[in-house]
Amino acid sequence: MALFAEFSVPTEAFALHETLEAESNAIVEIERVAATEELITPYFRVSGVDLGAFEAAAADDPSVQGLTRIDRFREATLYRAGLVRDVDAIVYAYTSTDATILEASAQHDRWELRMRFPDGDALSQFSAYCEDRGIPFGLTRLYDRANPQSRAKFGVTAKQHEALLTAWKRGYFSSPEVTLEDVSSEMDITPQALSNRLRRGYEALIEHTVAVTGPDEEMED
């Protein structure tokens, strides 16, 4: 049975440690990952930082190679890069246990990841790998899809839940006078980080509600 784990690790145990250390305001969010035996190629969004400074820092970062700007959006920029399969980092255990990165984000000194493991043995192998190499492996949540009660409600993560709830309480969705900056200031995060959390939260809510249920025909706009 597949298991889903949410955990955090220091940036030096995964990727972009030197880049995030140099550009501490950068927010990195992995969109999807392609992997081979020797190389992991994530596509990720970057926000909250000068792109020239970020790209210069990444060029000198030994954990990544071939950084390529794919597209630029209003709130973030999409990149592709290669992560070397370093035996002293989590990327090695990731490929060795046939795990799948479902979600990952980082800022300054910590990565927060959500991963899918094919079974309990794979998760144990991954955890043992981290322990043997002294990698702080902070497991915060473990669940399986067979048990809906153990999953995040409506598919949103704790941070997405906090962002959505705080924005709703402040009246962000009902009043044009409440801005993204107002809500982000209350949460002590950047407007870009809040926007990304809200966007992912909307996506999760739609996937687990609107996409699986029909409209109420008796209700009007």
N, C-alpha and C. Protein backbone atom coordinates (compact mmCIF):
# COMPACT_ATOMS: atom_id res chain seq x y z
N MET A 1 0.84 -1.19 0.00
CA MET A 1 0.00 0.00 0.00
C MET A 1 0.87 1.25 0.00
N ALA A 2 0.55 2.18 -0.89
CA ALA A 2 1.32 3.42 -0.98
C ALA A 2 1.13 4.27 0.27
N LEU A 3 2.20 4.94 0.66
CA LEU A 3 2.16 5.84 1.81
C LEU A 3 2.59 7.23 1.36
N PHE A 4 1.99 8.24 2.00
CA PHE A 4 2.29 9.62 1.68
C PHE A 4 2.86 10.28 2.92
N ALA A 5 4.01 10.92 2.75
CA ALA A 5 4.71 11.51 3.89
C ALA A 5 4.98 12.98 3.63
N GLU A 6 4.79 13.78 4.66
CA GLU A 6 5.15 15.20 4.62
C GLU A 6 6.25 15.41 5.65
N PHE A 7 7.33 16.04 5.24
CA PHE A 7 8.47 16.22 6.14
C PHE A 7 9.32 17.39 5.70
N SER A 8 10.24 17.77 6.55
CA SER A 8 11.14 18.87 6.24
C SER A 8 12.58 18.41 6.42
N VAL A 9 13.46 18.99 5.62
CA VAL A 9 14.89 18.71 5.72
C VAL A 9 15.65 20.00 5.46
N PRO A 10 16.87 20.13 5.97
CA PRO A 10 17.68 21.32 5.67
C PRO A 10 18.04 21.34 4.19
N THR A 11 18.24 22.53 3.64
CA THR A 11 18.50 22.66 2.21
C THR A 11 19.75 21.92 1.77
N GLU A 12 20.75 21.81 2.65
CA GLU A 12 21.98 21.13 2.25
C GLU A 12 21.76 19.64 2.01
N ALA A 13 20.64 19.11 2.49
CA ALA A 13 20.35 17.69 2.30
C ALA A 13 19.58 17.43 1.02
N PHE A 14 19.19 18.48 0.32
CA PHE A 14 18.39 18.25 -0.89
C PHE A 14 18.95 19.01 -2.09
N ALA A 15 18.70 20.31 -2.19
CA ALA A 15 19.16 21.04 -3.37
C ALA A 15 19.13 22.54 -3.13
N LEU A 16 19.94 23.24 -3.92
CA LEU A 16 19.97 24.71 -3.94
C LEU A 16 20.36 25.33 -2.60
N HIS A 17 21.14 24.62 -1.81
CA HIS A 17 21.53 25.14 -0.50
C HIS A 17 22.29 26.46 -0.62
N GLU A 18 23.34 26.49 -1.43
CA GLU A 18 24.15 27.70 -1.55
C GLU A 18 23.36 28.84 -2.19
N THR A 19 22.49 28.50 -3.12
CA THR A 19 21.67 29.52 -3.78
C THR A 19 20.72 30.17 -2.79
N LEU A 20 20.04 29.34 -2.00
CA LEU A 20 19.07 29.85 -1.03
C LEU A 20 19.75 30.55 0.15
N GLU A 21 20.97 30.16 0.42
CA GLU A 21 21.73 30.82 1.47
C GLU A 21 22.13 32.22 1.02
N ALA A 22 22.49 32.33 -0.25
CA ALA A 22 22.90 33.63 -0.79
C ALA A 22 21.70 34.54 -1.04
N GLU A 23 20.59 33.96 -1.48
CA GLU A 23 19.37 34.72 -1.79
C GLU A 23 18.27 34.24 -0.85
N SER A 24 18.33 34.68 0.40
CA SER A 24 17.45 34.15 1.45
C SER A 24 15.99 34.49 1.26
N ASN A 25 15.68 35.49 0.42
CA ASN A 25 14.28 35.84 0.19
C ASN A 25 13.63 35.02 -0.92
N ALA A 26 14.43 34.25 -1.62
CA ALA A 26 13.89 33.45 -2.72
C ALA A 26 12.95 32.37 -2.20
N ILE A 27 11.86 32.18 -2.91
CA ILE A 27 10.90 31.11 -2.61
C ILE A 27 10.91 30.17 -3.81
N VAL A 28 11.21 28.91 -3.57
CA VAL A 28 11.30 27.92 -4.63
C VAL A 28 10.21 26.87 -4.42
N GLU A 29 9.44 26.61 -5.47
CA GLU A 29 8.38 25.61 -5.39
C GLU A 29 8.49 24.67 -6.58
N ILE A 30 8.72 23.41 -6.31
CA ILE A 30 8.85 22.42 -7.38
C ILE A 30 7.48 22.10 -7.96
N GLU A 31 7.38 22.16 -9.29
CA GLU A 31 6.12 21.88 -9.98
C GLU A 31 6.00 20.40 -10.32
N ARG A 32 7.04 19.85 -10.93
CA ARG A 32 7.05 18.42 -11.26
C ARG A 32 8.50 17.99 -11.43
N VAL A 33 8.70 16.67 -11.45
CA VAL A 33 10.06 16.13 -11.46
C VAL A 33 10.16 15.01 -12.48
N ALA A 34 11.21 15.04 -13.28
CA ALA A 34 11.56 13.93 -14.15
C ALA A 34 12.87 13.35 -13.62
N ALA A 35 13.00 12.02 -13.62
CA ALA A 35 14.18 11.41 -13.01
C ALA A 35 14.74 10.27 -13.86
N THR A 36 16.08 10.18 -13.86
CA THR A 36 16.79 9.04 -14.44
C THR A 36 17.69 8.47 -13.35
N GLU A 37 18.48 7.46 -13.68
CA GLU A 37 19.36 6.86 -12.69
C GLU A 37 20.42 7.83 -12.20
N GLU A 38 20.81 8.76 -13.05
CA GLU A 38 21.90 9.66 -12.68
C GLU A 38 21.47 11.09 -12.42
N LEU A 39 20.30 11.47 -12.87
CA LEU A 39 19.94 12.87 -12.80
C LEU A 39 18.46 13.05 -12.51
N ILE A 40 18.15 13.99 -11.62
CA ILE A 40 16.78 14.40 -11.36
C ILE A 40 16.59 15.78 -11.97
N THR A 41 15.54 15.94 -12.73
CA THR A 41 15.29 17.21 -13.40
C THR A 41 13.97 17.80 -12.93
N PRO A 42 14.01 18.69 -11.95
CA PRO A 42 12.78 19.33 -11.50
C PRO A 42 12.44 20.58 -12.30
N TYR A 43 11.17 20.84 -12.42
CA TYR A 43 10.67 22.11 -12.93
C TYR A 43 10.16 22.87 -11.72
N PHE A 44 10.62 24.08 -11.51
CA PHE A 44 10.24 24.78 -10.30
C PHE A 44 10.03 26.27 -10.55
N ARG A 45 9.17 26.84 -9.71
CA ARG A 45 8.88 28.27 -9.77
C ARG A 45 9.71 29.02 -8.72
N VAL A 46 10.17 30.18 -9.10
CA VAL A 46 10.95 31.02 -8.19
C VAL A 46 10.28 32.39 -8.09
N SER A 47 10.16 32.88 -6.86
CA SER A 47 9.57 34.20 -6.64
C SER A 47 10.27 34.87 -5.47
N GLY A 48 10.00 36.16 -5.29
CA GLY A 48 10.52 36.89 -4.14
C GLY A 48 11.96 37.31 -4.22
N VAL A 49 12.55 37.26 -5.41
CA VAL A 49 13.99 37.55 -5.52
C VAL A 49 14.30 38.13 -6.89
N ASP A 50 15.40 38.88 -6.98
CA ASP A 50 15.89 39.36 -8.26
C ASP A 50 16.39 38.16 -9.06
N LEU A 51 15.87 37.99 -10.27
CA LEU A 51 16.17 36.79 -11.05
C LEU A 51 17.64 36.73 -11.45
N GLY A 52 18.23 37.88 -11.75
CA GLY A 52 19.65 37.89 -12.11
C GLY A 52 20.51 37.40 -10.97
N ALA A 53 20.20 37.84 -9.75
CA ALA A 53 20.97 37.42 -8.58
C ALA A 53 20.75 35.93 -8.31
N PHE A 54 19.51 35.48 -8.46
CA PHE A 54 19.22 34.06 -8.24
C PHE A 54 19.96 33.19 -9.25
N GLU A 55 19.93 33.56 -10.51
CA GLU A 55 20.59 32.76 -11.54
C GLU A 55 22.11 32.77 -11.37
N ALA A 56 22.66 33.88 -10.93
CA ALA A 56 24.10 33.95 -10.69
C ALA A 56 24.50 33.04 -9.54
N ALA A 57 23.70 33.03 -8.48
CA ALA A 57 23.99 32.16 -7.33
C ALA A 57 23.84 30.70 -7.73
N ALA A 58 22.82 30.38 -8.52
CA ALA A 58 22.59 28.99 -8.94
C ALA A 58 23.71 28.49 -9.85
N ALA A 59 24.29 29.39 -10.62
CA ALA A 59 25.38 29.00 -11.53
C ALA A 59 26.59 28.50 -10.76
N ASP A 60 26.77 28.97 -9.52
CA ASP A 60 27.91 28.55 -8.69
C ASP A 60 27.53 27.47 -7.67
N ASP A 61 26.28 27.02 -7.72
CA ASP A 61 25.79 26.04 -6.75
C ASP A 61 26.08 24.63 -7.25
N PRO A 62 26.89 23.83 -6.54
CA PRO A 62 27.25 22.49 -7.03
C PRO A 62 26.10 21.48 -7.02
N SER A 63 24.99 21.82 -6.37
CA SER A 63 23.88 20.86 -6.30
C SER A 63 22.99 20.89 -7.54
N VAL A 64 23.16 21.90 -8.39
CA VAL A 64 22.34 22.00 -9.60
C VAL A 64 23.22 22.22 -10.81
N GLN A 65 22.69 21.85 -11.96
CA GLN A 65 23.42 22.08 -13.19
C GLN A 65 22.41 22.36 -14.32
N GLY A 66 22.86 23.13 -15.29
CA GLY A 66 22.02 23.41 -16.45
C GLY A 66 20.75 24.16 -16.14
N LEU A 67 20.82 25.15 -15.25
CA LEU A 67 19.63 25.93 -14.94
C LEU A 67 19.14 26.65 -16.19
N THR A 68 17.86 26.46 -16.50
CA THR A 68 17.27 27.04 -17.71
C THR A 68 15.97 27.74 -17.37
N ARG A 69 15.86 29.00 -17.78
CA ARG A 69 14.60 29.72 -17.57
C ARG A 69 13.62 29.28 -18.65
N ILE A 70 12.46 28.78 -18.23
CA ILE A 70 11.46 28.28 -19.16
C ILE A 70 10.42 29.33 -19.52
N ASP A 71 9.90 30.00 -18.52
CA ASP A 71 8.86 30.99 -18.76
C ASP A 71 8.80 31.95 -17.58
N ARG A 72 8.29 33.14 -17.85
CA ARG A 72 8.15 34.12 -16.77
C ARG A 72 6.69 34.54 -16.67
N PHE A 73 6.16 34.46 -15.45
CA PHE A 73 4.78 34.84 -15.20
C PHE A 73 4.75 36.10 -14.34
N ARG A 74 3.57 36.54 -14.05
CA ARG A 74 3.44 37.77 -13.29
C ARG A 74 4.01 37.65 -11.88
N GLU A 75 3.80 36.49 -11.25
CA GLU A 75 4.18 36.34 -9.85
C GLU A 75 5.39 35.43 -9.63
N ALA A 76 5.79 34.68 -10.63
CA ALA A 76 6.90 33.74 -10.46
C ALA A 76 7.51 33.41 -11.81
N THR A 77 8.69 32.83 -11.78
CA THR A 77 9.39 32.42 -13.00
C THR A 77 9.64 30.93 -12.96
N LEU A 78 9.38 30.26 -14.08
CA LEU A 78 9.53 28.82 -14.16
C LEU A 78 10.92 28.46 -14.69
N TYR A 79 11.58 27.53 -13.97
CA TYR A 79 12.91 27.07 -14.36
C TYR A 79 12.94 25.55 -14.47
N ARG A 80 13.97 25.07 -15.17
CA ARG A 80 14.30 23.66 -15.18
C ARG A 80 15.77 23.54 -14.85
N ALA A 81 16.15 22.50 -14.11
CA ALA A 81 17.56 22.29 -13.78
C ALA A 81 17.79 20.81 -13.51
N GLY A 82 19.03 20.43 -13.45
CA GLY A 82 19.38 19.05 -13.11
C GLY A 82 19.96 18.98 -11.72
N LEU A 83 19.52 18.00 -10.94
CA LEU A 83 20.08 17.75 -9.62
C LEU A 83 20.91 16.48 -9.68
N VAL A 84 22.16 16.57 -9.31
CA VAL A 84 23.06 15.42 -9.36
C VAL A 84 22.66 14.40 -8.30
N ARG A 85 22.74 13.13 -8.63
CA ARG A 85 22.35 12.04 -7.72
C ARG A 85 23.47 11.82 -6.71
N ASP A 86 23.55 12.72 -5.75
CA ASP A 86 24.60 12.71 -4.74
C ASP A 86 24.28 11.67 -3.66
N VAL A 87 25.22 10.76 -3.38
CA VAL A 87 24.97 9.71 -2.38
C VAL A 87 24.87 10.26 -0.97
N ASP A 88 25.23 11.51 -0.77
CA ASP A 88 25.12 12.11 0.57
C ASP A 88 23.90 13.01 0.70
N ALA A 89 23.00 12.94 -0.26
CA ALA A 89 21.82 13.79 -0.21
C ALA A 89 20.56 12.97 -0.43
N ILE A 90 19.44 13.58 -0.14
CA ILE A 90 18.15 12.90 -0.22
C ILE A 90 17.81 12.49 -1.65
N VAL A 91 18.37 13.18 -2.65
CA VAL A 91 18.04 12.82 -4.03
C VAL A 91 18.45 11.39 -4.34
N TYR A 92 19.48 10.89 -3.66
CA TYR A 92 19.90 9.50 -3.88
C TYR A 92 18.84 8.54 -3.33
N ALA A 93 18.40 8.79 -2.12
CA ALA A 93 17.38 7.93 -1.50
C ALA A 93 16.07 8.03 -2.25
N TYR A 94 15.78 9.20 -2.77
CA TYR A 94 14.55 9.41 -3.52
C TYR A 94 14.47 8.47 -4.72
N THR A 95 15.54 8.39 -5.50
CA THR A 95 15.54 7.51 -6.67
C THR A 95 15.69 6.05 -6.29
N SER A 96 16.42 5.77 -5.21
CA SER A 96 16.67 4.38 -4.81
C SER A 96 15.42 3.69 -4.27
N THR A 97 14.48 4.44 -3.72
CA THR A 97 13.28 3.85 -3.12
C THR A 97 12.05 3.98 -4.01
N ASP A 98 12.24 4.44 -5.25
CA ASP A 98 11.12 4.61 -6.19
C ASP A 98 10.05 5.54 -5.63
N ALA A 99 10.46 6.52 -4.86
CA ALA A 99 9.51 7.49 -4.32
C ALA A 99 9.18 8.53 -5.39
N THR A 100 8.15 9.30 -5.12
CA THR A 100 7.71 10.35 -6.04
C THR A 100 7.54 11.65 -5.26
N ILE A 101 8.16 12.70 -5.74
CA ILE A 101 7.98 14.01 -5.12
C ILE A 101 6.68 14.61 -5.65
N LEU A 102 5.73 14.82 -4.76
CA LEU A 102 4.44 15.38 -5.14
C LEU A 102 4.41 16.89 -4.96
N GLU A 103 5.13 17.37 -3.97
CA GLU A 103 5.15 18.80 -3.69
C GLU A 103 6.41 19.12 -2.90
N ALA A 104 7.03 20.24 -3.20
CA ALA A 104 8.23 20.65 -2.47
C ALA A 104 8.39 22.15 -2.56
N SER A 105 8.75 22.76 -1.45
CA SER A 105 8.98 24.20 -1.44
C SER A 105 10.11 24.50 -0.47
N ALA A 106 10.82 25.57 -0.75
CA ALA A 106 11.96 25.93 0.09
C ALA A 106 12.12 27.43 0.18
N GLN A 107 12.66 27.86 1.30
CA GLN A 107 13.08 29.24 1.47
C GLN A 107 14.19 29.27 2.51
N HIS A 108 15.29 29.91 2.15
CA HIS A 108 16.45 30.11 3.01
C HIS A 108 17.15 28.80 3.40
N ASP A 109 16.70 28.13 4.46
CA ASP A 109 17.49 26.99 4.96
C ASP A 109 16.71 25.68 5.09
N ARG A 110 15.50 25.62 4.56
CA ARG A 110 14.69 24.41 4.77
C ARG A 110 13.80 24.09 3.58
N TRP A 111 13.78 22.79 3.26
CA TRP A 111 12.84 22.27 2.27
C TRP A 111 11.69 21.58 2.99
N GLU A 112 10.49 21.79 2.49
CA GLU A 112 9.33 21.05 2.96
C GLU A 112 8.82 20.23 1.79
N LEU A 113 8.71 18.92 2.00
CA LEU A 113 8.37 18.02 0.91
C LEU A 113 7.16 17.15 1.25
N ARG A 114 6.43 16.80 0.21
CA ARG A 114 5.39 15.78 0.31
C ARG A 114 5.72 14.73 -0.73
N MET A 115 5.92 13.49 -0.28
CA MET A 115 6.36 12.43 -1.17
C MET A 115 5.46 11.20 -1.05
N ARG A 116 5.41 10.46 -2.15
CA ARG A 116 4.67 9.20 -2.19
C ARG A 116 5.68 8.05 -2.22
N PHE A 117 5.51 7.10 -1.30
CA PHE A 117 6.35 5.90 -1.26
C PHE A 117 5.51 4.69 -1.65
N PRO A 118 6.08 3.78 -2.42
CA PRO A 118 5.29 2.63 -2.90
C PRO A 118 4.76 1.74 -1.77
N ASP A 119 5.49 1.70 -0.64
CA ASP A 119 5.03 0.89 0.49
C ASP A 119 5.80 1.28 1.75
N GLY A 120 5.46 0.63 2.86
CA GLY A 120 6.11 0.94 4.13
C GLY A 120 7.60 0.64 4.13
N ASP A 121 8.00 -0.43 3.42
CA ASP A 121 9.41 -0.78 3.36
C ASP A 121 10.23 0.33 2.71
N ALA A 122 9.69 0.91 1.65
CA ALA A 122 10.39 1.99 0.95
C ALA A 122 10.55 3.20 1.86
N LEU A 123 9.51 3.51 2.62
CA LEU A 123 9.60 4.64 3.56
C LEU A 123 10.62 4.35 4.65
N SER A 124 10.65 3.11 5.15
CA SER A 124 11.61 2.74 6.18
C SER A 124 13.03 2.84 5.64
N GLN A 125 13.22 2.41 4.41
CA GLN A 125 14.54 2.49 3.77
C GLN A 125 14.98 3.94 3.63
N PHE A 126 14.05 4.79 3.23
CA PHE A 126 14.33 6.21 3.07
C PHE A 126 14.70 6.84 4.42
N SER A 127 13.91 6.53 5.45
CA SER A 127 14.16 7.07 6.79
C SER A 127 15.51 6.60 7.33
N ALA A 128 15.82 5.30 7.11
CA ALA A 128 17.09 4.74 7.59
C ALA A 128 18.28 5.40 6.89
N TYR A 129 18.11 5.68 5.60
CA TYR A 129 19.16 6.35 4.84
C TYR A 129 19.47 7.72 5.46
N CYS A 130 18.40 8.47 5.77
CA CYS A 130 18.58 9.79 6.37
C CYS A 130 19.25 9.69 7.74
N GLU A 131 18.83 8.71 8.53
CA GLU A 131 19.40 8.54 9.87
C GLU A 131 20.87 8.17 9.79
N ASP A 132 21.23 7.26 8.89
CA ASP A 132 22.62 6.82 8.76
C ASP A 132 23.56 7.95 8.38
N ARG A 133 23.05 8.93 7.64
CA ARG A 133 23.88 10.04 7.17
C ARG A 133 23.68 11.31 7.98
N GLY A 134 22.96 11.19 9.08
CA GLY A 134 22.78 12.33 9.96
C GLY A 134 21.94 13.44 9.37
N ILE A 135 21.04 13.09 8.44
CA ILE A 135 20.16 14.09 7.84
C ILE A 135 18.94 14.26 8.73
N PRO A 136 18.71 15.46 9.26
CA PRO A 136 17.52 15.70 10.08
C PRO A 136 16.27 15.47 9.25
N PHE A 137 15.51 14.46 9.60
CA PHE A 137 14.34 14.06 8.84
C PHE A 137 13.11 14.32 9.70
N GLY A 138 12.49 15.51 9.53
CA GLY A 138 11.38 15.91 10.38
C GLY A 138 10.04 15.51 9.81
N LEU A 139 9.60 14.29 10.09
CA LEU A 139 8.31 13.81 9.59
C LEU A 139 7.19 14.52 10.33
N THR A 140 6.29 15.17 9.58
CA THR A 140 5.19 15.90 10.19
C THR A 140 3.83 15.24 9.92
N ARG A 141 3.74 14.41 8.88
CA ARG A 141 2.46 13.79 8.56
C ARG A 141 2.68 12.53 7.75
N LEU A 142 1.90 11.51 8.05
CA LEU A 142 1.97 10.24 7.33
C LEU A 142 0.55 9.73 7.15
N TYR A 143 0.19 9.38 5.92
CA TYR A 143 -1.17 8.92 5.66
C TYR A 143 -1.19 8.07 4.39
N ASP A 144 -2.31 7.41 4.16
CA ASP A 144 -2.50 6.63 2.95
C ASP A 144 -3.86 6.95 2.35
N ARG A 145 -3.99 6.79 1.07
CA ARG A 145 -5.22 7.16 0.38
C ARG A 145 -6.38 6.22 0.72
N ALA A 146 -6.08 5.06 1.28
CA ALA A 146 -7.13 4.12 1.64
C ALA A 146 -7.90 4.58 2.87
N ASN A 147 -7.33 5.53 3.59
CA ASN A 147 -7.99 6.03 4.80
C ASN A 147 -8.23 7.52 4.67
N PRO A 148 -9.43 7.93 4.22
CA PRO A 148 -9.68 9.35 4.00
C PRO A 148 -9.47 10.20 5.24
N GLN A 149 -9.70 9.62 6.44
CA GLN A 149 -9.56 10.40 7.66
C GLN A 149 -8.12 10.80 7.93
N SER A 150 -7.18 10.09 7.32
CA SER A 150 -5.77 10.40 7.56
C SER A 150 -5.21 11.38 6.54
N ARG A 151 -6.02 11.79 5.58
CA ARG A 151 -5.57 12.72 4.56
C ARG A 151 -5.89 14.15 4.94
N ALA A 152 -5.20 15.07 4.32
CA ALA A 152 -5.51 16.47 4.54
C ALA A 152 -6.91 16.74 4.01
N LYS A 153 -7.75 17.43 4.78
CA LYS A 153 -9.12 17.66 4.39
C LYS A 153 -9.18 18.46 3.09
N PHE A 154 -9.93 17.92 2.12
CA PHE A 154 -10.09 18.53 0.80
C PHE A 154 -8.78 18.67 0.06
N GLY A 155 -7.75 17.93 0.48
CA GLY A 155 -6.49 17.93 -0.25
C GLY A 155 -5.57 19.09 0.01
N VAL A 156 -5.95 20.04 0.89
CA VAL A 156 -5.07 21.19 1.13
C VAL A 156 -4.07 20.87 2.23
N THR A 157 -2.88 21.44 2.10
CA THR A 157 -1.86 21.26 3.13
C THR A 157 -2.14 22.22 4.28
N ALA A 158 -1.40 22.04 5.37
CA ALA A 158 -1.59 22.90 6.54
C ALA A 158 -1.34 24.37 6.20
N LYS A 159 -0.31 24.64 5.41
CA LYS A 159 0.01 26.03 5.06
C LYS A 159 -1.04 26.63 4.13
N GLN A 160 -1.54 25.80 3.19
CA GLN A 160 -2.59 26.28 2.31
C GLN A 160 -3.87 26.55 3.10
N HIS A 161 -4.17 25.67 4.06
CA HIS A 161 -5.35 25.84 4.92
C HIS A 161 -5.24 27.16 5.69
N GLU A 162 -4.07 27.41 6.27
CA GLU A 162 -3.86 28.64 7.03
C GLU A 162 -4.03 29.87 6.15
N ALA A 163 -3.47 29.81 4.93
CA ALA A 163 -3.56 30.95 4.02
C ALA A 163 -5.00 31.22 3.61
N LEU A 164 -5.72 30.17 3.24
CA LEU A 164 -7.11 30.33 2.82
C LEU A 164 -7.98 30.85 3.96
N LEU A 165 -7.79 30.29 5.14
CA LEU A 165 -8.61 30.67 6.28
C LEU A 165 -8.32 32.11 6.72
N THR A 166 -7.04 32.48 6.76
CA THR A 166 -6.68 33.83 7.15
C THR A 166 -7.22 34.85 6.15
N ALA A 167 -7.09 34.54 4.86
CA ALA A 167 -7.60 35.44 3.83
C ALA A 167 -9.12 35.60 3.95
N TRP A 168 -9.80 34.50 4.23
CA TRP A 168 -11.25 34.55 4.37
C TRP A 168 -11.67 35.37 5.59
N LYS A 169 -10.99 35.16 6.70
CA LYS A 169 -11.31 35.89 7.92
C LYS A 169 -11.07 37.39 7.75
N ARG A 170 -10.04 37.74 7.01
CA ARG A 170 -9.73 39.16 6.80
C ARG A 170 -10.66 39.81 5.78
N GLY A 171 -11.45 39.01 5.08
CA GLY A 171 -12.37 39.55 4.09
C GLY A 171 -11.74 39.75 2.72
N TYR A 172 -10.63 39.06 2.47
CA TYR A 172 -9.91 39.21 1.20
C TYR A 172 -10.78 38.80 0.01
N PHE A 173 -11.62 37.79 0.19
CA PHE A 173 -12.44 37.29 -0.92
C PHE A 173 -13.72 38.10 -1.12
N SER A 174 -14.10 38.91 -0.15
CA SER A 174 -15.36 39.65 -0.24
C SER A 174 -15.21 41.16 -0.34
N SER A 175 -14.03 41.67 -0.01
CA SER A 175 -13.84 43.11 -0.03
C SER A 175 -12.61 43.49 -0.85
N PRO A 176 -12.78 44.35 -1.85
CA PRO A 176 -11.62 44.78 -2.65
C PRO A 176 -10.66 45.66 -1.87
N GLU A 177 -11.09 46.12 -0.69
CA GLU A 177 -10.23 46.97 0.13
C GLU A 177 -9.15 46.19 0.86
N VAL A 178 -9.37 44.88 1.02
CA VAL A 178 -8.37 44.03 1.67
C VAL A 178 -7.44 43.48 0.60
N THR A 179 -6.17 43.78 0.71
CA THR A 179 -5.20 43.40 -0.32
C THR A 179 -4.40 42.16 0.08
N LEU A 180 -3.71 41.64 -0.90
CA LEU A 180 -2.82 40.50 -0.66
C LEU A 180 -1.75 40.87 0.36
N GLU A 181 -1.29 42.11 0.28
CA GLU A 181 -0.27 42.59 1.21
C GLU A 181 -0.79 42.62 2.64
N ASP A 182 -2.07 42.97 2.82
CA ASP A 182 -2.66 43.00 4.15
C ASP A 182 -2.63 41.62 4.80
N VAL A 183 -3.04 40.63 4.03
CA VAL A 183 -3.11 39.26 4.55
C VAL A 183 -1.71 38.71 4.78
N SER A 184 -0.79 38.94 3.84
CA SER A 184 0.56 38.40 3.97
C SER A 184 1.28 39.03 5.17
N SER A 185 0.99 40.31 5.42
CA SER A 185 1.60 40.98 6.57
C SER A 185 1.13 40.34 7.87
N GLU A 186 -0.13 40.01 7.95
CA GLU A 186 -0.66 39.36 9.15
C GLU A 186 -0.03 37.99 9.37
N MET A 187 0.26 37.28 8.26
CA MET A 187 0.84 35.95 8.35
C MET A 187 2.36 35.98 8.44
N ASP A 188 2.95 37.17 8.27
CA ASP A 188 4.40 37.34 8.31
C ASP A 188 5.11 36.54 7.22
N ILE A 189 4.52 36.57 6.02
CA ILE A 189 5.15 35.97 4.85
C ILE A 189 5.07 36.98 3.72
N THR A 190 5.76 36.73 2.63
CA THR A 190 5.74 37.66 1.51
C THR A 190 4.45 37.51 0.71
N PRO A 191 4.03 38.57 0.01
CA PRO A 191 2.84 38.46 -0.84
C PRO A 191 2.97 37.35 -1.88
N GLN A 192 4.20 37.15 -2.40
CA GLN A 192 4.40 36.08 -3.39
C GLN A 192 4.15 34.71 -2.79
N ALA A 193 4.63 34.49 -1.55
CA ALA A 193 4.42 33.21 -0.90
C ALA A 193 2.94 32.97 -0.64
N LEU A 194 2.25 34.02 -0.19
CA LEU A 194 0.81 33.89 0.05
C LEU A 194 0.07 33.59 -1.24
N SER A 195 0.41 34.30 -2.30
CA SER A 195 -0.25 34.08 -3.58
C SER A 195 -0.07 32.64 -4.06
N ASN A 196 1.14 32.10 -3.89
CA ASN A 196 1.41 30.72 -4.31
C ASN A 196 0.60 29.73 -3.48
N ARG A 197 0.50 29.98 -2.17
CA ARG A 197 -0.27 29.08 -1.31
C ARG A 197 -1.76 29.12 -1.64
N LEU A 198 -2.26 30.32 -1.90
CA LEU A 198 -3.67 30.45 -2.27
C LEU A 198 -3.95 29.74 -3.59
N ARG A 199 -3.05 29.93 -4.56
CA ARG A 199 -3.25 29.30 -5.87
C ARG A 199 -3.29 27.78 -5.75
N ARG A 200 -2.35 27.23 -4.98
CA ARG A 200 -2.33 25.77 -4.80
C ARG A 200 -3.53 25.31 -3.99
N GLY A 201 -3.95 26.13 -3.03
CA GLY A 201 -5.13 25.79 -2.25
C GLY A 201 -6.38 25.76 -3.10
N TYR A 202 -6.54 26.77 -3.99
CA TYR A 202 -7.68 26.78 -4.91
C TYR A 202 -7.68 25.50 -5.74
N GLU A 203 -6.51 25.14 -6.27
CA GLU A 203 -6.40 23.97 -7.13
C GLU A 203 -6.83 22.70 -6.39
N ALA A 204 -6.36 22.56 -5.14
CA ALA A 204 -6.71 21.39 -4.35
C ALA A 204 -8.20 21.35 -4.04
N LEU A 205 -8.77 22.48 -3.67
CA LEU A 205 -10.20 22.54 -3.35
C LEU A 205 -11.05 22.19 -4.57
N ILE A 206 -10.69 22.73 -5.72
CA ILE A 206 -11.44 22.43 -6.94
C ILE A 206 -11.34 20.95 -7.28
N GLU A 207 -10.12 20.39 -7.14
CA GLU A 207 -9.91 18.98 -7.45
C GLU A 207 -10.75 18.07 -6.57
N HIS A 208 -10.89 18.42 -5.29
CA HIS A 208 -11.57 17.54 -4.33
C HIS A 208 -13.03 17.90 -4.09
N THR A 209 -13.50 18.99 -4.72
CA THR A 209 -14.91 19.36 -4.52
C THR A 209 -15.60 19.58 -5.87
N VAL A 210 -15.33 20.69 -6.51
CA VAL A 210 -16.02 21.02 -7.75
C VAL A 210 -15.82 19.97 -8.84
N ALA A 211 -14.61 19.42 -8.93
CA ALA A 211 -14.31 18.46 -10.00
C ALA A 211 -14.98 17.11 -9.79
N VAL A 212 -15.42 16.82 -8.57
CA VAL A 212 -16.01 15.49 -8.31
C VAL A 212 -17.49 15.57 -7.95
N THR A 213 -18.07 16.76 -7.92
CA THR A 213 -19.49 16.91 -7.65
C THR A 213 -20.11 17.84 -8.68
N GLY A 214 -21.38 17.65 -8.95
CA GLY A 214 -22.06 18.49 -9.90
C GLY A 214 -22.58 19.74 -9.24
N PRO A 215 -23.04 20.72 -10.03
CA PRO A 215 -23.57 21.96 -9.47
C PRO A 215 -24.93 21.74 -8.83
N ASP A 216 -25.28 22.59 -7.90
CA ASP A 216 -26.61 22.55 -7.29
C ASP A 216 -27.56 23.29 -8.21
N GLU A 217 -28.44 22.52 -8.88
CA GLU A 217 -29.31 23.11 -9.88
C GLU A 217 -30.32 24.10 -9.28
N GLU A 218 -30.56 23.99 -7.97
CA GLU A 218 -31.57 24.85 -7.35
C GLU A 218 -31.01 26.21 -6.96
N MET A 219 -29.70 26.33 -6.99
CA MET A 219 -29.08 27.60 -6.59
C MET A 219 -28.82 28.46 -7.82
N GLU A 220 -28.92 29.78 -7.64
CA GLU A 220 -28.66 30.73 -8.70
C GLU A 220 -27.38 31.49 -8.41
N ASP A 221 -26.87 32.19 -9.42
CA ASP A 221 -25.66 32.99 -9.23
C ASP A 221 -25.89 34.07 -8.17
